Amino acid sequence: MSDGYVDPSGNTEQFRAFANPPDATTAVESPSRLPLVLGGAVVGVLLVAVATWLVLS
């Protein structure tokens, strides 16, 4: 009869999960894309304003 104990060295995936448990301090967050989006929007508005100024002058 099985005792329900699973040996963490049974396979590589289980051993890695046992040896390096997930931790909130090791999680790497991706940087925010908000500054990139806002910068692109500002550049777009400036390009439209310059194009409009060139067409009207």
N, C-alpha and C. Protein backbone atom coordinates (compact mmCIF):
# COMPACT_ATOMS: atom_id res chain seq x y z
N MET A 1 0.84 -1.17 0.00
CA MET A 1 0.00 0.00 0.00
C MET A 1 0.89 1.24 0.00
N SER A 2 0.51 2.22 -0.76
CA SER A 2 1.29 3.44 -0.89
C SER A 2 1.09 4.34 0.33
N ASP A 3 2.19 4.98 0.75
CA ASP A 3 2.07 5.88 1.90
C ASP A 3 1.79 7.31 1.48
N GLY A 4 1.71 7.60 0.17
CA GLY A 4 1.38 8.93 -0.31
C GLY A 4 2.55 9.88 -0.39
N TYR A 5 3.74 9.44 0.03
CA TYR A 5 4.91 10.30 -0.02
C TYR A 5 5.51 10.25 -1.42
N VAL A 6 5.74 11.43 -2.00
CA VAL A 6 6.35 11.51 -3.32
C VAL A 6 7.76 12.04 -3.14
N ASP A 7 8.72 11.28 -3.59
CA ASP A 7 10.12 11.67 -3.48
C ASP A 7 10.40 12.83 -4.45
N PRO A 8 10.85 14.01 -3.96
CA PRO A 8 11.08 15.15 -4.85
C PRO A 8 12.21 14.91 -5.84
N SER A 9 13.04 13.92 -5.60
CA SER A 9 14.10 13.62 -6.56
C SER A 9 13.64 12.63 -7.62
N GLY A 10 12.35 12.38 -7.67
CA GLY A 10 11.81 11.42 -8.61
C GLY A 10 12.02 11.81 -10.06
N ASN A 11 11.92 13.07 -10.36
CA ASN A 11 12.24 13.55 -11.71
C ASN A 11 12.80 14.96 -11.61
N THR A 12 13.34 15.46 -12.69
CA THR A 12 14.04 16.75 -12.67
C THR A 12 13.10 17.89 -12.31
N GLU A 13 11.90 17.90 -12.87
CA GLU A 13 10.96 19.00 -12.61
C GLU A 13 10.59 19.06 -11.13
N GLN A 14 10.29 17.91 -10.55
CA GLN A 14 9.93 17.89 -9.13
C GLN A 14 11.11 18.30 -8.26
N PHE A 15 12.33 17.87 -8.62
CA PHE A 15 13.49 18.24 -7.83
C PHE A 15 13.75 19.74 -7.89
N ARG A 16 13.64 20.33 -9.08
CA ARG A 16 13.87 21.78 -9.20
C ARG A 16 12.83 22.56 -8.40
N ALA A 17 11.58 22.10 -8.42
CA ALA A 17 10.55 22.77 -7.63
C ALA A 17 10.83 22.63 -6.14
N PHE A 18 11.40 21.49 -5.74
CA PHE A 18 11.73 21.27 -4.33
C PHE A 18 12.96 22.08 -3.92
N ALA A 19 13.98 22.11 -4.76
CA ALA A 19 15.23 22.79 -4.44
C ALA A 19 15.09 24.31 -4.53
N ASN A 20 14.30 24.81 -5.46
CA ASN A 20 14.11 26.25 -5.66
C ASN A 20 12.63 26.58 -5.61
N PRO A 21 12.05 26.62 -4.40
CA PRO A 21 10.62 26.89 -4.32
C PRO A 21 10.30 28.31 -4.83
N PRO A 22 9.13 28.49 -5.43
CA PRO A 22 8.77 29.83 -5.89
C PRO A 22 8.72 30.79 -4.71
N ASP A 23 9.29 31.96 -4.91
CA ASP A 23 9.37 32.94 -3.84
C ASP A 23 9.02 34.31 -4.42
N ALA A 24 8.31 35.10 -3.67
CA ALA A 24 7.90 36.43 -4.14
C ALA A 24 9.10 37.35 -4.33
N THR A 25 10.19 37.12 -3.60
CA THR A 25 11.35 38.01 -3.73
C THR A 25 12.16 37.71 -4.97
N THR A 26 12.04 36.51 -5.54
CA THR A 26 12.81 36.17 -6.73
C THR A 26 12.03 36.41 -8.00
N ALA A 27 10.75 36.72 -7.89
CA ALA A 27 9.94 36.97 -9.08
C ALA A 27 10.37 38.29 -9.72
N VAL A 28 10.55 38.25 -11.02
CA VAL A 28 10.97 39.44 -11.75
C VAL A 28 9.75 40.01 -12.47
N GLU A 29 9.43 41.25 -12.16
CA GLU A 29 8.31 41.90 -12.81
C GLU A 29 8.79 42.60 -14.07
N SER A 30 7.97 42.55 -15.09
CA SER A 30 8.34 43.25 -16.31
C SER A 30 8.10 44.75 -16.11
N PRO A 31 8.94 45.57 -16.70
CA PRO A 31 8.76 47.02 -16.53
C PRO A 31 7.48 47.50 -17.19
N SER A 32 6.99 48.61 -16.71
CA SER A 32 5.75 49.17 -17.22
C SER A 32 5.96 49.71 -18.64
N ARG A 33 4.98 49.51 -19.49
CA ARG A 33 5.05 50.01 -20.86
C ARG A 33 4.37 51.37 -21.00
N LEU A 34 3.82 51.89 -19.92
CA LEU A 34 3.11 53.16 -19.96
C LEU A 34 3.97 54.31 -20.47
N PRO A 35 5.20 54.50 -20.02
CA PRO A 35 6.01 55.60 -20.56
C PRO A 35 6.26 55.47 -22.06
N LEU A 36 6.43 54.26 -22.54
CA LEU A 36 6.63 54.04 -23.97
C LEU A 36 5.39 54.42 -24.76
N VAL A 37 4.23 54.05 -24.27
CA VAL A 37 2.97 54.38 -24.95
C VAL A 37 2.74 55.88 -24.94
N LEU A 38 2.97 56.50 -23.79
CA LEU A 38 2.77 57.95 -23.71
C LEU A 38 3.76 58.71 -24.60
N GLY A 39 5.00 58.26 -24.64
CA GLY A 39 6.00 58.88 -25.51
C GLY A 39 5.62 58.75 -26.97
N GLY A 40 5.13 57.60 -27.37
CA GLY A 40 4.67 57.39 -28.74
C GLY A 40 3.50 58.28 -29.09
N ALA A 41 2.58 58.45 -28.15
CA ALA A 41 1.43 59.31 -28.39
C ALA A 41 1.86 60.77 -28.55
N VAL A 42 2.79 61.22 -27.73
CA VAL A 42 3.28 62.60 -27.83
C VAL A 42 3.97 62.82 -29.18
N VAL A 43 4.80 61.87 -29.59
CA VAL A 43 5.48 61.98 -30.88
C VAL A 43 4.47 62.00 -32.01
N GLY A 44 3.45 61.17 -31.93
CA GLY A 44 2.40 61.14 -32.96
C GLY A 44 1.66 62.47 -33.06
N VAL A 45 1.31 63.04 -31.92
CA VAL A 45 0.61 64.33 -31.92
C VAL A 45 1.51 65.42 -32.50
N LEU A 46 2.78 65.41 -32.14
CA LEU A 46 3.70 66.40 -32.68
C LEU A 46 3.86 66.26 -34.19
N LEU A 47 3.93 65.04 -34.69
CA LEU A 47 4.05 64.83 -36.13
C LEU A 47 2.81 65.33 -36.87
N VAL A 48 1.64 65.08 -36.32
CA VAL A 48 0.40 65.57 -36.94
C VAL A 48 0.37 67.09 -36.90
N ALA A 49 0.80 67.70 -35.80
CA ALA A 49 0.80 69.16 -35.70
C ALA A 49 1.77 69.78 -36.70
N VAL A 50 2.96 69.19 -36.85
CA VAL A 50 3.94 69.72 -37.80
C VAL A 50 3.44 69.55 -39.23
N ALA A 51 2.85 68.41 -39.55
CA ALA A 51 2.31 68.17 -40.89
C ALA A 51 1.20 69.16 -41.20
N THR A 52 0.31 69.38 -40.23
CA THR A 52 -0.77 70.36 -40.43
C THR A 52 -0.23 71.76 -40.63
N TRP A 53 0.75 72.14 -39.84
CA TRP A 53 1.36 73.47 -39.97
C TRP A 53 2.01 73.62 -41.34
N LEU A 54 2.69 72.60 -41.84
CA LEU A 54 3.33 72.67 -43.16
C LEU A 54 2.30 72.77 -44.29
N VAL A 55 1.20 72.07 -44.15
CA VAL A 55 0.15 72.09 -45.20
C VAL A 55 -0.53 73.46 -45.20
N LEU A 56 -0.77 74.05 -44.06
CA LEU A 56 -1.51 75.31 -43.98
C LEU A 56 -0.63 76.53 -44.24
N SER A 57 0.67 76.39 -44.20
CA SER A 57 1.52 77.58 -44.39
C SER A 57 1.95 77.73 -45.84
